[in-house]
């Protein structure tokens, strides 16, 4: 068990490290980025919105939700991001 933990800390080039394709929702692009947390996955990702002039607004989110399956995490990330977009909209891009 300790060996797996140490290998996990120093592992690089994992196939899941590359960015996933974005899903279009109401003009926003949602890109899940599940974070491996000891064999489980934390809900996180990016919400981007292309705007005039070729610029893109970007919002990074990370939730406390952790699920056991990477695929389930991706599905939950999409649902949570869609809900956030419905509730907050462009206000997410305003400085806090």
PDB file of N, CA and C in Angstrom:
ATOM      1  N   UNK A   1       0.824  -1.180   0.000  1.00  0.00           N
ATOM      2  CA  UNK A   1       0.000   0.000   0.000  1.00  0.00           C
ATOM      3  C   UNK A   1       0.880   1.260   0.000  1.00  0.00           C
ATOM      4  N   UNK A   2       1.915   1.270   0.814  1.00  0.00           N
ATOM      5  CA  UNK A   2       2.805   2.420   0.870  1.00  0.00           C
ATOM      6  C   UNK A   2       3.513   2.621  -0.469  1.00  0.00           C
ATOM      7  N   UNK A   3       3.901   1.516  -1.103  1.00  0.00           N
ATOM      8  CA  UNK A   3       4.561   1.598  -2.411  1.00  0.00           C
ATOM      9  C   UNK A   3       3.642   2.272  -3.436  1.00  0.00           C
ATOM     10  N   UNK A   4       2.366   1.893  -3.462  1.00  0.00           N
ATOM     11  CA  UNK A   4       1.414   2.502  -4.397  1.00  0.00           C
ATOM     12  C   UNK A   4       1.227   3.984  -4.115  1.00  0.00           C
ATOM     13  N   UNK A   5       1.200   4.356  -2.852  1.00  0.00           N
ATOM     14  CA  UNK A   5       1.057   5.758  -2.473  1.00  0.00           C
ATOM     15  C   UNK A   5       2.253   6.568  -2.971  1.00  0.00           C
ATOM     16  N   UNK A   6       3.450   6.050  -2.744  1.00  0.00           N
ATOM     17  CA  UNK A   6       4.661   6.752  -3.174  1.00  0.00           C
ATOM     18  C   UNK A   6       4.729   6.834  -4.698  1.00  0.00           C
ATOM     19  N   UNK A   7       4.405   5.750  -5.384  1.00  0.00           N
ATOM     20  CA  UNK A   7       4.398   5.771  -6.855  1.00  0.00           C
ATOM     21  C   UNK A   7       3.392   6.790  -7.363  1.00  0.00           C
ATOM     22  N   UNK A   8       2.246   6.903  -6.712  1.00  0.00           N
ATOM     23  CA  UNK A   8       1.225   7.863  -7.110  1.00  0.00           C
ATOM     24  C   UNK A   8       1.689   9.292  -6.966  1.00  0.00           C
ATOM     25  N   UNK A   9       2.509   9.547  -5.947  1.00  0.00           N
ATOM     26  CA  UNK A   9       3.016  10.899  -5.738  1.00  0.00           C
ATOM     27  C   UNK A   9       3.989  11.323  -6.826  1.00  0.00           C
ATOM     28  N   UNK A  10       4.727  10.382  -7.373  1.00  0.00           N
ATOM     29  CA  UNK A  10       5.766  10.708  -8.339  1.00  0.00           C
ATOM     30  C   UNK A  10       5.402  10.328  -9.764  1.00  0.00           C
ATOM     31  N   UNK A  11       4.197   9.879  -9.978  1.00  0.00           N
ATOM     32  CA  UNK A  11       3.754   9.471 -11.312  1.00  0.00           C
ATOM     33  C   UNK A  11       3.593  10.702 -12.195  1.00  0.00           C
ATOM     34  N   UNK A  12       4.026  10.596 -13.441  1.00  0.00           N
ATOM     35  CA  UNK A  12       3.826  11.685 -14.404  1.00  0.00           C
ATOM     36  C   UNK A  12       3.420  11.097 -15.736  1.00  0.00           C
ATOM     37  N   UNK A  13       2.851  11.943 -16.580  1.00  0.00           N
ATOM     38  CA  UNK A  13       2.464  11.503 -17.911  1.00  0.00           C
ATOM     39  C   UNK A  13       1.248  10.601 -17.918  1.00  0.00           C
ATOM     40  N   UNK A  14       0.437  10.649 -16.903  1.00  0.00           N
ATOM     41  CA  UNK A  14      -0.770   9.847 -16.835  1.00  0.00           C
ATOM     42  C   UNK A  14      -1.704  10.223 -17.976  1.00  0.00           C
ATOM     43  N   UNK A  15      -2.349   9.228 -18.559  1.00  0.00           N
ATOM     44  CA  UNK A  15      -3.239   9.469 -19.705  1.00  0.00           C
ATOM     45  C   UNK A  15      -4.378  10.414 -19.349  1.00  0.00           C
ATOM     46  N   UNK A  16      -4.741  10.476 -18.058  1.00  0.00           N
ATOM     47  CA  UNK A  16      -5.849  11.335 -17.651  1.00  0.00           C
ATOM     48  C   UNK A  16      -5.403  12.774 -17.402  1.00  0.00           C
ATOM     49  N   UNK A  17      -4.110  13.050 -17.580  1.00  0.00           N
ATOM     50  CA  UNK A  17      -3.610  14.402 -17.359  1.00  0.00           C
ATOM     51  C   UNK A  17      -3.983  15.359 -18.487  1.00  0.00           C
ATOM     52  N   UNK A  18      -4.291  14.844 -19.666  1.00  0.00           N
ATOM     53  CA  UNK A  18      -4.631  15.742 -20.759  1.00  0.00           C
ATOM     54  C   UNK A  18      -6.053  16.273 -20.590  1.00  0.00           C
ATOM     55  N   UNK A  19      -6.257  17.479 -21.114  1.00  0.00           N
ATOM     56  CA  UNK A  19      -7.560  18.123 -20.954  1.00  0.00           C
ATOM     57  C   UNK A  19      -8.612  17.389 -21.777  1.00  0.00           C
ATOM     58  N   UNK A  20      -9.763  17.218 -21.187  1.00  0.00           N
ATOM     59  CA  UNK A  20     -10.877  16.551 -21.851  1.00  0.00           C
ATOM     60  C   UNK A  20     -11.540  17.509 -22.828  1.00  0.00           C
ATOM     61  N   UNK A  21     -12.272  16.975 -23.801  1.00  0.00           N
ATOM     62  CA  UNK A  21     -13.016  17.857 -24.702  1.00  0.00           C
ATOM     63  C   UNK A  21     -14.127  18.596 -23.947  1.00  0.00           C
ATOM     64  N   UNK A  22     -14.415  19.786 -24.403  1.00  0.00           N
ATOM     65  CA  UNK A  22     -15.440  20.618 -23.773  1.00  0.00           C
ATOM     66  C   UNK A  22     -16.828  20.216 -24.254  1.00  0.00           C
ATOM     67  N   UNK A  23     -17.797  20.411 -23.378  1.00  0.00           N
ATOM     68  CA  UNK A  23     -19.207  20.199 -23.698  1.00  0.00           C
ATOM     69  C   UNK A  23     -19.877  21.560 -23.759  1.00  0.00           C
ATOM     70  N   UNK A  24     -20.577  21.836 -24.848  1.00  0.00           N
ATOM     71  CA  UNK A  24     -21.264  23.116 -25.021  1.00  0.00           C
ATOM     72  C   UNK A  24     -22.595  23.068 -24.267  1.00  0.00           C
ATOM     73  N   UNK A  25     -22.827  24.101 -23.459  1.00  0.00           N
ATOM     74  CA  UNK A  25     -24.088  24.230 -22.743  1.00  0.00           C
ATOM     75  C   UNK A  25     -24.472  25.703 -22.706  1.00  0.00           C
ATOM     76  N   UNK A  26     -25.535  26.055 -23.403  1.00  0.00           N
ATOM     77  CA  UNK A  26     -26.064  27.423 -23.405  1.00  0.00           C
ATOM     78  C   UNK A  26     -24.997  28.467 -23.771  1.00  0.00           C
ATOM     79  N   UNK A  27     -24.074  28.114 -24.661  1.00  0.00           N
ATOM     80  CA  UNK A  27     -23.037  29.055 -25.080  1.00  0.00           C
ATOM     81  C   UNK A  27     -21.798  29.042 -24.197  1.00  0.00           C
ATOM     82  N   UNK A  28     -21.785  28.235 -23.153  1.00  0.00           N
ATOM     83  CA  UNK A  28     -20.631  28.057 -22.276  1.00  0.00           C
ATOM     84  C   UNK A  28     -19.974  26.720 -22.629  1.00  0.00           C
ATOM     85  N   UNK A  29     -18.685  26.641 -22.442  1.00  0.00           N
ATOM     86  CA  UNK A  29     -17.965  25.395 -22.674  1.00  0.00           C
ATOM     87  C   UNK A  29     -17.526  24.836 -21.325  1.00  0.00           C
ATOM     88  N   UNK A  30     -17.985  23.630 -21.016  1.00  0.00           N
ATOM     89  CA  UNK A  30     -17.662  22.981 -19.749  1.00  0.00           C
ATOM     90  C   UNK A  30     -16.625  21.906 -20.019  1.00  0.00           C
ATOM     91  N   UNK A  31     -15.504  21.985 -19.311  1.00  0.00           N
ATOM     92  CA  UNK A  31     -14.436  20.999 -19.454  1.00  0.00           C
ATOM     93  C   UNK A  31     -14.192  20.350 -18.092  1.00  0.00           C
ATOM     94  N   UNK A  32     -14.662  19.107 -17.907  1.00  0.00           N
ATOM     95  CA  UNK A  32     -14.401  18.419 -16.651  1.00  0.00           C
ATOM     96  C   UNK A  32     -12.896  18.186 -16.468  1.00  0.00           C
ATOM     97  N   UNK A  33     -12.452  18.252 -15.227  1.00  0.00           N
ATOM     98  CA  UNK A  33     -11.052  18.000 -14.887  1.00  0.00           C
ATOM     99  C   UNK A  33     -11.018  17.246 -13.560  1.00  0.00           C
ATOM    100  N   UNK A  34     -11.485  15.969 -13.576  1.00  0.00           N
ATOM    101  CA  UNK A  34     -11.558  15.213 -12.325  1.00  0.00           C
ATOM    102  C   UNK A  34     -10.177  15.089 -11.683  1.00  0.00           C
ATOM    103  N   UNK A  35     -10.109  15.381 -10.397  1.00  0.00           N
ATOM    104  CA  UNK A  35      -8.845  15.320  -9.662  1.00  0.00           C
ATOM    105  C   UNK A  35      -8.778  13.997  -8.893  1.00  0.00           C
ATOM    106  N   UNK A  36      -7.746  13.208  -9.164  1.00  0.00           N
ATOM    107  CA  UNK A  36      -7.544  11.935  -8.480  1.00  0.00           C
ATOM    108  C   UNK A  36      -7.173  12.209  -7.020  1.00  0.00           C
ATOM    109  N   UNK A  37      -7.972  11.643  -6.128  1.00  0.00           N
ATOM    110  CA  UNK A  37      -7.742  11.808  -4.699  1.00  0.00           C
ATOM    111  C   UNK A  37      -7.671  10.405  -4.100  1.00  0.00           C
ATOM    112  N   UNK A  38      -6.508   9.791  -4.194  1.00  0.00           N
ATOM    113  CA  UNK A  38      -6.320   8.461  -3.619  1.00  0.00           C
ATOM    114  C   UNK A  38      -7.234   7.402  -4.194  1.00  0.00           C
ATOM    115  N   UNK A  39      -7.421   7.396  -5.492  1.00  0.00           N
ATOM    116  CA  UNK A  39      -8.274   6.394  -6.134  1.00  0.00           C
ATOM    117  C   UNK A  39      -9.723   6.812  -6.286  1.00  0.00           C
ATOM    118  N   UNK A  40     -10.090   7.944  -5.720  1.00  0.00           N
ATOM    119  CA  UNK A  40     -11.404   8.514  -5.927  1.00  0.00           C
ATOM    120  C   UNK A  40     -11.209   9.821  -6.690  1.00  0.00           C
ATOM    121  N   UNK A  41     -12.300  10.462  -7.083  1.00  0.00           N
ATOM    122  CA  UNK A  41     -12.188  11.639  -7.936  1.00  0.00           C
ATOM    123  C   UNK A  41     -13.001  12.801  -7.403  1.00  0.00           C
ATOM    124  N   UNK A  42     -12.341  13.963  -7.342  1.00  0.00           N
ATOM    125  CA  UNK A  42     -12.982  15.200  -6.893  1.00  0.00           C
ATOM    126  C   UNK A  42     -13.575  15.923  -8.104  1.00  0.00           C
ATOM    127  N   UNK A  43     -14.793  16.433  -7.955  1.00  0.00           N
ATOM    128  CA  UNK A  43     -15.485  17.181  -8.998  1.00  0.00           C
ATOM    129  C   UNK A  43     -14.779  18.523  -9.195  1.00  0.00           C
ATOM    130  N   UNK A  44     -14.264  18.757 -10.395  1.00  0.00           N
ATOM    131  CA  UNK A  44     -13.636  20.034 -10.721  1.00  0.00           C
ATOM    132  C   UNK A  44     -13.578  20.184 -12.234  1.00  0.00           C
ATOM    133  N   UNK A  45     -13.357  21.413 -12.673  1.00  0.00           N
ATOM    134  CA  UNK A  45     -13.288  21.650 -14.104  1.00  0.00           C
ATOM    135  C   UNK A  45     -13.228  23.132 -14.426  1.00  0.00           C
ATOM    136  N   UNK A  46     -13.477  23.417 -15.679  1.00  0.00           N
ATOM    137  CA  UNK A  46     -13.429  24.779 -16.219  1.00  0.00           C
ATOM    138  C   UNK A  46     -14.748  25.110 -16.882  1.00  0.00           C
ATOM    139  N   UNK A  47     -15.181  26.346 -16.728  1.00  0.00           N
ATOM    140  CA  UNK A  47     -16.300  26.875 -17.517  1.00  0.00           C
ATOM    141  C   UNK A  47     -15.717  28.041 -18.300  1.00  0.00           C
ATOM    142  N   UNK A  48     -15.860  27.967 -19.601  1.00  0.00           N
ATOM    143  CA  UNK A  48     -15.329  29.024 -20.467  1.00  0.00           C
ATOM    144  C   UNK A  48     -16.461  29.555 -21.342  1.00  0.00           C
ATOM    145  N   UNK A  49     -16.329  30.828 -21.698  1.00  0.00           N
ATOM    146  CA  UNK A  49     -17.314  31.430 -22.592  1.00  0.00           C
ATOM    147  C   UNK A  49     -16.585  32.324 -23.585  1.00  0.00           C
ATOM    148  N   UNK A  50     -16.645  31.957 -24.870  1.00  0.00           N
ATOM    149  CA  UNK A  50     -16.057  32.822 -25.893  1.00  0.00           C
ATOM    150  C   UNK A  50     -16.847  34.122 -25.981  1.00  0.00           C
ATOM    151  N   UNK A  51     -16.141  35.242 -26.086  1.00  0.00           N
ATOM    152  CA  UNK A  51     -16.772  36.549 -26.227  1.00  0.00           C
ATOM    153  C   UNK A  51     -16.208  37.240 -27.456  1.00  0.00           C
ATOM    154  N   UNK A  52     -16.805  38.369 -27.802  1.00  0.00           N
ATOM    155  CA  UNK A  52     -16.367  39.100 -28.991  1.00  0.00           C
ATOM    156  C   UNK A  52     -14.885  39.434 -28.925  1.00  0.00           C
ATOM    157  N   UNK A  53     -14.281  39.540 -30.084  1.00  0.00           N
ATOM    158  CA  UNK A  53     -12.873  39.891 -30.163  1.00  0.00           C
ATOM    159  C   UNK A  53     -11.937  38.716 -29.976  1.00  0.00           C
ATOM    160  N   UNK A  54     -12.468  37.497 -30.008  1.00  0.00           N
ATOM    161  CA  UNK A  54     -11.642  36.306 -29.871  1.00  0.00           C
ATOM    162  C   UNK A  54     -11.194  36.014 -28.444  1.00  0.00           C
ATOM    163  N   UNK A  55     -11.707  36.752 -27.487  1.00  0.00           N
ATOM    164  CA  UNK A  55     -11.353  36.563 -26.083  1.00  0.00           C
ATOM    165  C   UNK A  55     -12.232  35.460 -25.480  1.00  0.00           C
ATOM    166  N   UNK A  56     -11.746  34.866 -24.414  1.00  0.00           N
ATOM    167  CA  UNK A  56     -12.515  33.839 -23.709  1.00  0.00           C
ATOM    168  C   UNK A  56     -12.493  34.128 -22.220  1.00  0.00           C
ATOM    169  N   UNK A  57     -13.684  34.175 -21.615  1.00  0.00           N
ATOM    170  CA  UNK A  57     -13.776  34.279 -20.161  1.00  0.00           C
ATOM    171  C   UNK A  57     -13.623  32.871 -19.609  1.00  0.00           C
ATOM    172  N   UNK A  58     -12.968  32.762 -18.456  1.00  0.00           N
ATOM    173  CA  UNK A  58     -12.658  31.454 -17.907  1.00  0.00           C
ATOM    174  C   UNK A  58     -12.918  31.438 -16.396  1.00  0.00           C
ATOM    175  N   UNK A  59     -13.511  30.352 -15.927  1.00  0.00           N
ATOM    176  CA  UNK A  59     -13.796  30.193 -14.503  1.00  0.00           C
ATOM    177  C   UNK A  59     -13.415  28.774 -14.092  1.00  0.00           C
ATOM    178  N   UNK A  60     -12.548  28.656 -13.124  1.00  0.00           N
ATOM    179  CA  UNK A  60     -12.119  27.352 -12.596  1.00  0.00           C
ATOM    180  C   UNK A  60     -12.953  27.054 -11.354  1.00  0.00           C
ATOM    181  N   UNK A  61     -13.483  25.823 -11.266  1.00  0.00           N
ATOM    182  CA  UNK A  61     -14.242  25.452 -10.074  1.00  0.00           C
ATOM    183  C   UNK A  61     -13.768  24.106  -9.553  1.00  0.00           C
ATOM    184  N   UNK A  62     -13.873  23.957  -8.257  1.00  0.00           N
ATOM    185  CA  UNK A  62     -13.555  22.697  -7.602  1.00  0.00           C
ATOM    186  C   UNK A  62     -14.534  22.525  -6.450  1.00  0.00           C
ATOM    187  N   UNK A  63     -15.175  21.391  -6.427  1.00  0.00           N
ATOM    188  CA  UNK A  63     -16.190  21.114  -5.415  1.00  0.00           C
ATOM    189  C   UNK A  63     -15.630  20.152  -4.368  1.00  0.00           C
ATOM    190  N   UNK A  64     -16.322  20.017  -3.272  1.00  0.00           N
ATOM    191  CA  UNK A  64     -15.896  19.076  -2.240  1.00  0.00           C
ATOM    192  C   UNK A  64     -16.371  17.654  -2.543  1.00  0.00           C
ATOM    193  N   UNK A  65     -17.251  17.503  -3.541  1.00  0.00           N
ATOM    194  CA  UNK A  65     -17.787  16.189  -3.891  1.00  0.00           C
ATOM    195  C   UNK A  65     -16.674  15.261  -4.362  1.00  0.00           C
ATOM    196  N   UNK A  66     -16.658  14.042  -3.827  1.00  0.00           N
ATOM    197  CA  UNK A  66     -15.704  13.017  -4.238  1.00  0.00           C
ATOM    198  C   UNK A  66     -16.500  11.758  -4.557  1.00  0.00           C
ATOM    199  N   UNK A  67     -16.215  11.161  -5.718  1.00  0.00           N
ATOM    200  CA  UNK A  67     -16.912   9.940  -6.131  1.00  0.00           C
ATOM    201  C   UNK A  67     -15.881   8.878  -6.503  1.00  0.00           C
ATOM    202  N   UNK A  68     -16.307   7.626  -6.503  1.00  0.00           N
ATOM    203  CA  UNK A  68     -15.369   6.525  -6.710  1.00  0.00           C
ATOM    204  C   UNK A  68     -15.031   6.262  -8.177  1.00  0.00           C
ATOM    205  N   UNK A  69     -15.888   6.643  -9.086  1.00  0.00           N
ATOM    206  CA  UNK A  69     -15.676   6.364 -10.508  1.00  0.00           C
ATOM    207  C   UNK A  69     -15.345   7.649 -11.269  1.00  0.00           C
ATOM    208  N   UNK A  70     -14.336   7.566 -12.128  1.00  0.00           N
ATOM    209  CA  UNK A  70     -13.959   8.731 -12.938  1.00  0.00           C
ATOM    210  C   UNK A  70     -15.105   9.143 -13.863  1.00  0.00           C
ATOM    211  N   UNK A  71     -15.760   8.167 -14.489  1.00  0.00           N
ATOM    212  CA  UNK A  71     -16.883   8.476 -15.383  1.00  0.00           C
ATOM    213  C   UNK A  71     -18.043   9.127 -14.625  1.00  0.00           C
ATOM    214  N   UNK A  72     -18.328   8.626 -13.424  1.00  0.00           N
ATOM    215  CA  UNK A  72     -19.380   9.236 -12.606  1.00  0.00           C
ATOM    216  C   UNK A  72     -18.998  10.661 -12.216  1.00  0.00           C
ATOM    217  N   UNK A  73     -17.714  10.863 -11.957  1.00  0.00           N
ATOM    218  CA  UNK A  73     -17.237  12.205 -11.596  1.00  0.00           C
ATOM    219  C   UNK A  73     -17.431  13.173 -12.768  1.00  0.00           C
ATOM    220  N   UNK A  74     -17.120  12.720 -13.957  1.00  0.00           N
ATOM    221  CA  UNK A  74     -17.289  13.566 -15.150  1.00  0.00           C
ATOM    222  C   UNK A  74     -18.760  13.937 -15.324  1.00  0.00           C
ATOM    223  N   UNK A  75     -19.652  12.949 -15.191  1.00  0.00           N
ATOM    224  CA  UNK A  75     -21.093  13.205 -15.328  1.00  0.00           C
ATOM    225  C   UNK A  75     -21.582  14.181 -14.257  1.00  0.00           C
ATOM    226  N   UNK A  76     -21.123  14.001 -13.025  1.00  0.00           N
ATOM    227  CA  UNK A  76     -21.525  14.894 -11.936  1.00  0.00           C
ATOM    228  C   UNK A  76     -20.963  16.295 -12.149  1.00  0.00           C
ATOM    229  N   UNK A  77     -19.746  16.387 -12.641  1.00  0.00           N
ATOM    230  CA  UNK A  77     -19.137  17.685 -12.941  1.00  0.00           C
ATOM    231  C   UNK A  77     -19.969  18.444 -13.962  1.00  0.00           C
ATOM    232  N   UNK A  78     -20.407  17.765 -15.011  1.00  0.00           N
ATOM    233  CA  UNK A  78     -21.231  18.418 -16.039  1.00  0.00           C
ATOM    234  C   UNK A  78     -22.546  18.909 -15.447  1.00  0.00           C
ATOM    235  N   UNK A  79     -23.198  18.084 -14.632  1.00  0.00           N
ATOM    236  CA  UNK A  79     -24.467  18.491 -14.012  1.00  0.00           C
ATOM    237  C   UNK A  79     -24.278  19.685 -13.079  1.00  0.00           C
ATOM    238  N   UNK A  80     -23.230  19.645 -12.253  1.00  0.00           N
ATOM    239  CA  UNK A  80     -22.985  20.747 -11.313  1.00  0.00           C
ATOM    240  C   UNK A  80     -22.658  22.040 -12.057  1.00  0.00           C
ATOM    241  N   UNK A  81     -21.861  21.942 -13.126  1.00  0.00           N
ATOM    242  CA  UNK A  81     -21.504  23.133 -13.909  1.00  0.00           C
ATOM    243  C   UNK A  81     -22.738  23.706 -14.600  1.00  0.00           C
ATOM    244  N   UNK A  82     -23.587  22.858 -15.149  1.00  0.00           N
ATOM    245  CA  UNK A  82     -24.805  23.331 -15.805  1.00  0.00           C
ATOM    246  C   UNK A  82     -25.705  24.053 -14.804  1.00  0.00           C
ATOM    247  N   UNK A  83     -25.832  23.496 -13.631  1.00  0.00           N
ATOM    248  CA  UNK A  83     -26.649  24.122 -12.591  1.00  0.00           C
ATOM    249  C   UNK A  83     -26.067  25.481 -12.199  1.00  0.00           C
ATOM    250  N   UNK A  84     -24.738  25.544 -12.080  1.00  0.00           N
ATOM    251  CA  UNK A  84     -24.068  26.796 -11.719  1.00  0.00           C
ATOM    252  C   UNK A  84     -24.293  27.852 -12.796  1.00  0.00           C
ATOM    253  N   UNK A  85     -24.200  27.442 -14.044  1.00  0.00           N
ATOM    254  CA  UNK A  85     -24.450  28.358 -15.161  1.00  0.00           C
ATOM    255  C   UNK A  85     -25.885  28.868 -15.101  1.00  0.00           C
ATOM    256  N   UNK A  86     -26.844  27.967 -14.863  1.00  0.00           N
ATOM    257  CA  UNK A  86     -28.254  28.367 -14.771  1.00  0.00           C
ATOM    258  C   UNK A  86     -28.480  29.340 -13.619  1.00  0.00           C
ATOM    259  N   UNK A  87     -27.800  29.117 -12.504  1.00  0.00           N
ATOM    260  CA  UNK A  87     -28.007  29.949 -11.313  1.00  0.00           C
ATOM    261  C   UNK A  87     -27.251  31.279 -11.367  1.00  0.00           C
ATOM    262  N   UNK A  88     -26.026  31.280 -11.869  1.00  0.00           N
ATOM    263  CA  UNK A  88     -25.145  32.447 -11.780  1.00  0.00           C
ATOM    264  C   UNK A  88     -24.931  33.149 -13.111  1.00  0.00           C
ATOM    265  N   UNK A  89     -24.817  32.388 -14.182  1.00  0.00           N
ATOM    266  CA  UNK A  89     -24.582  32.983 -15.509  1.00  0.00           C
ATOM    267  C   UNK A  89     -23.253  33.700 -15.592  1.00  0.00           C
ATOM    268  N   UNK A  90     -23.224  34.802 -16.315  1.00  0.00           N
ATOM    269  CA  UNK A  90     -21.983  35.553 -16.546  1.00  0.00           C
ATOM    270  C   UNK A  90     -21.402  36.178 -15.284  1.00  0.00           C
ATOM    271  N   UNK A  91     -22.179  36.234 -14.218  1.00  0.00           N
ATOM    272  CA  UNK A  91     -21.670  36.823 -12.963  1.00  0.00           C
ATOM    273  C   UNK A  91     -20.466  36.040 -12.430  1.00  0.00           C
ATOM    274  N   UNK A  92     -20.293  34.791 -12.835  1.00  0.00           N
ATOM    275  CA  UNK A  92     -19.154  34.002 -12.359  1.00  0.00           C
ATOM    276  C   UNK A  92     -17.816  34.595 -12.822  1.00  0.00           C
ATOM    277  N   UNK A  93     -17.850  35.383 -13.898  1.00  0.00           N
ATOM    278  CA  UNK A  93     -16.619  35.947 -14.446  1.00  0.00           C
ATOM    279  C   UNK A  93     -16.250  37.292 -13.821  1.00  0.00           C
ATOM    280  N   UNK A  94     -17.117  37.827 -12.995  1.00  0.00           N
ATOM    281  CA  UNK A  94     -16.824  39.107 -12.340  1.00  0.00           C
ATOM    282  C   UNK A  94     -15.806  38.885 -11.242  1.00  0.00           C
ATOM    283  N   UNK A  95     -14.958  39.866 -11.032  1.00  0.00           N
ATOM    284  CA  UNK A  95     -13.941  39.754  -9.977  1.00  0.00           C
ATOM    285  C   UNK A  95     -14.614  39.770  -8.626  1.00  0.00           C
ATOM    286  N   UNK A  96     -14.045  39.013  -7.719  1.00  0.00           N
ATOM    287  CA  UNK A  96     -14.621  38.903  -6.370  1.00  0.00           C
ATOM    288  C   UNK A  96     -13.877  39.753  -5.409  1.00  0.00           C
TER     289      UNK A  96
END
